[in-house]
Amino acid sequence: MKETTTDYLMILHRQYMAEVGRFIKALKENASRNELILIRTNVKKLLAEIRRYPIKGKDNK
């Protein structure tokens, strides 16, 4: 089955939310600074990938 842009964005969003959850859990457990940085880097990469796609119907000036 061919993957559409919408499917791809839904997958990215699911991964993004999972990483945010991991980050919050790591904060609560007083994880090491290095672990927090790695998770945060993953969150930022996923968010950057999501932002590459414009929102349909939104005024894109």
C-alpha atoms as a PDB file:
ATOM      1  CA  MET A   1       0.000   0.000   0.000  1.00  0.00           C
ATOM      2  CA  LYS A   2       1.287   3.444  -0.936  1.00  0.00           C
ATOM      3  CA  GLU A   3       1.947   5.767   1.980  1.00  0.00           C
ATOM      4  CA  THR A   4       0.392   9.214   1.643  1.00  0.00           C
ATOM      5  CA  THR A   5       1.702  12.440   3.109  1.00  0.00           C
ATOM      6  CA  THR A   6      -1.100  12.364   5.671  1.00  0.00           C
ATOM      7  CA  ASP A   7      -0.134   8.853   6.770  1.00  0.00           C
ATOM      8  CA  TYR A   8       3.507   9.911   7.013  1.00  0.00           C
ATOM      9  CA  LEU A   9       2.611  12.949   9.128  1.00  0.00           C
ATOM     10  CA  MET A  10       0.438  10.831  11.423  1.00  0.00           C
ATOM     11  CA  ILE A  11       3.360   8.442  11.950  1.00  0.00           C
ATOM     12  CA  LEU A  12       5.703  11.369  12.645  1.00  0.00           C
ATOM     13  CA  HIS A  13       3.213  12.865  15.101  1.00  0.00           C
ATOM     14  CA  ARG A  14       2.889   9.539  16.934  1.00  0.00           C
ATOM     15  CA  GLN A  15       6.697   9.287  17.194  1.00  0.00           C
ATOM     16  CA  TYR A  16       6.904  12.912  18.331  1.00  0.00           C
ATOM     17  CA  MET A  17       4.348  12.376  21.097  1.00  0.00           C
ATOM     18  CA  ALA A  18       6.130   9.194  22.217  1.00  0.00           C
ATOM     19  CA  GLU A  19       9.443  11.072  22.465  1.00  0.00           C
ATOM     20  CA  VAL A  20       7.813  13.923  24.404  1.00  0.00           C
ATOM     21  CA  GLY A  21       6.387  11.322  26.795  1.00  0.00           C
ATOM     22  CA  ARG A  22       9.826   9.764  27.163  1.00  0.00           C
ATOM     23  CA  PHE A  23      11.291  13.202  27.898  1.00  0.00           C
ATOM     24  CA  ILE A  24       8.703  13.967  30.597  1.00  0.00           C
ATOM     25  CA  LYS A  25       9.201  10.529  32.158  1.00  0.00           C
ATOM     26  CA  ALA A  26      12.987  11.027  32.131  1.00  0.00           C
ATOM     27  CA  LEU A  27      12.567  14.420  33.823  1.00  0.00           C
ATOM     28  CA  LYS A  28      10.410  12.889  36.556  1.00  0.00           C
ATOM     29  CA  GLU A  29      12.976  10.135  37.106  1.00  0.00           C
ATOM     30  CA  ASN A  30      15.861  12.637  37.294  1.00  0.00           C
ATOM     31  CA  ALA A  31      17.597  11.112  34.274  1.00  0.00           C
ATOM     32  CA  SER A  32      21.115  12.132  33.373  1.00  0.00           C
ATOM     33  CA  ARG A  33      21.704  15.315  31.453  1.00  0.00           C
ATOM     34  CA  ASN A  34      23.065  13.363  28.475  1.00  0.00           C
ATOM     35  CA  GLU A  35      19.926  11.242  28.231  1.00  0.00           C
ATOM     36  CA  LEU A  36      17.720  14.344  28.343  1.00  0.00           C
ATOM     37  CA  ILE A  37      19.787  15.980  25.620  1.00  0.00           C
ATOM     38  CA  LEU A  38      19.480  12.906  23.375  1.00  0.00           C
ATOM     39  CA  ILE A  39      15.729  12.739  23.804  1.00  0.00           C
ATOM     40  CA  ARG A  40      15.351  16.479  23.257  1.00  0.00           C
ATOM     41  CA  THR A  41      17.427  16.246  20.083  1.00  0.00           C
ATOM     42  CA  ASN A  42      15.109  13.512  18.774  1.00  0.00           C
ATOM     43  CA  VAL A  43      12.075  15.673  19.623  1.00  0.00           C
ATOM     44  CA  LYS A  44      13.556  18.641  17.770  1.00  0.00           C
ATOM     45  CA  LYS A  45      14.379  16.523  14.689  1.00  0.00           C
ATOM     46  CA  LEU A  46      10.866  15.105  14.536  1.00  0.00           C
ATOM     47  CA  LEU A  47       9.309  18.541  14.968  1.00  0.00           C
ATOM     48  CA  ALA A  48      11.501  19.973  12.211  1.00  0.00           C
ATOM     49  CA  GLU A  49      10.413  17.162   9.874  1.00  0.00           C
ATOM     50  CA  ILE A  50       6.735  17.773  10.702  1.00  0.00           C
ATOM     51  CA  ARG A  51       7.098  21.502  10.043  1.00  0.00           C
ATOM     52  CA  ARG A  52       8.431  20.829   6.537  1.00  0.00           C
ATOM     53  CA  TYR A  53       4.866  20.092   5.438  1.00  0.00           C
ATOM     54  CA  PRO A  54       2.459  23.038   5.203  1.00  0.00           C
ATOM     55  CA  ILE A  55      -0.987  22.734   6.733  1.00  0.00           C
ATOM     56  CA  LYS A  56      -3.643  22.323   4.032  1.00  0.00           C
ATOM     57  CA  GLY A  57      -6.148  25.130   3.879  1.00  0.00           C
ATOM     58  CA  LYS A  58      -3.928  27.474   5.840  1.00  0.00           C
ATOM     59  CA  ASP A  59      -2.873  30.752   4.240  1.00  0.00           C
ATOM     60  CA  ASN A  60       0.744  30.067   3.259  1.00  0.00           C
ATOM     61  CA  LYS A  61       2.233  33.484   2.526  1.00  0.00           C
END
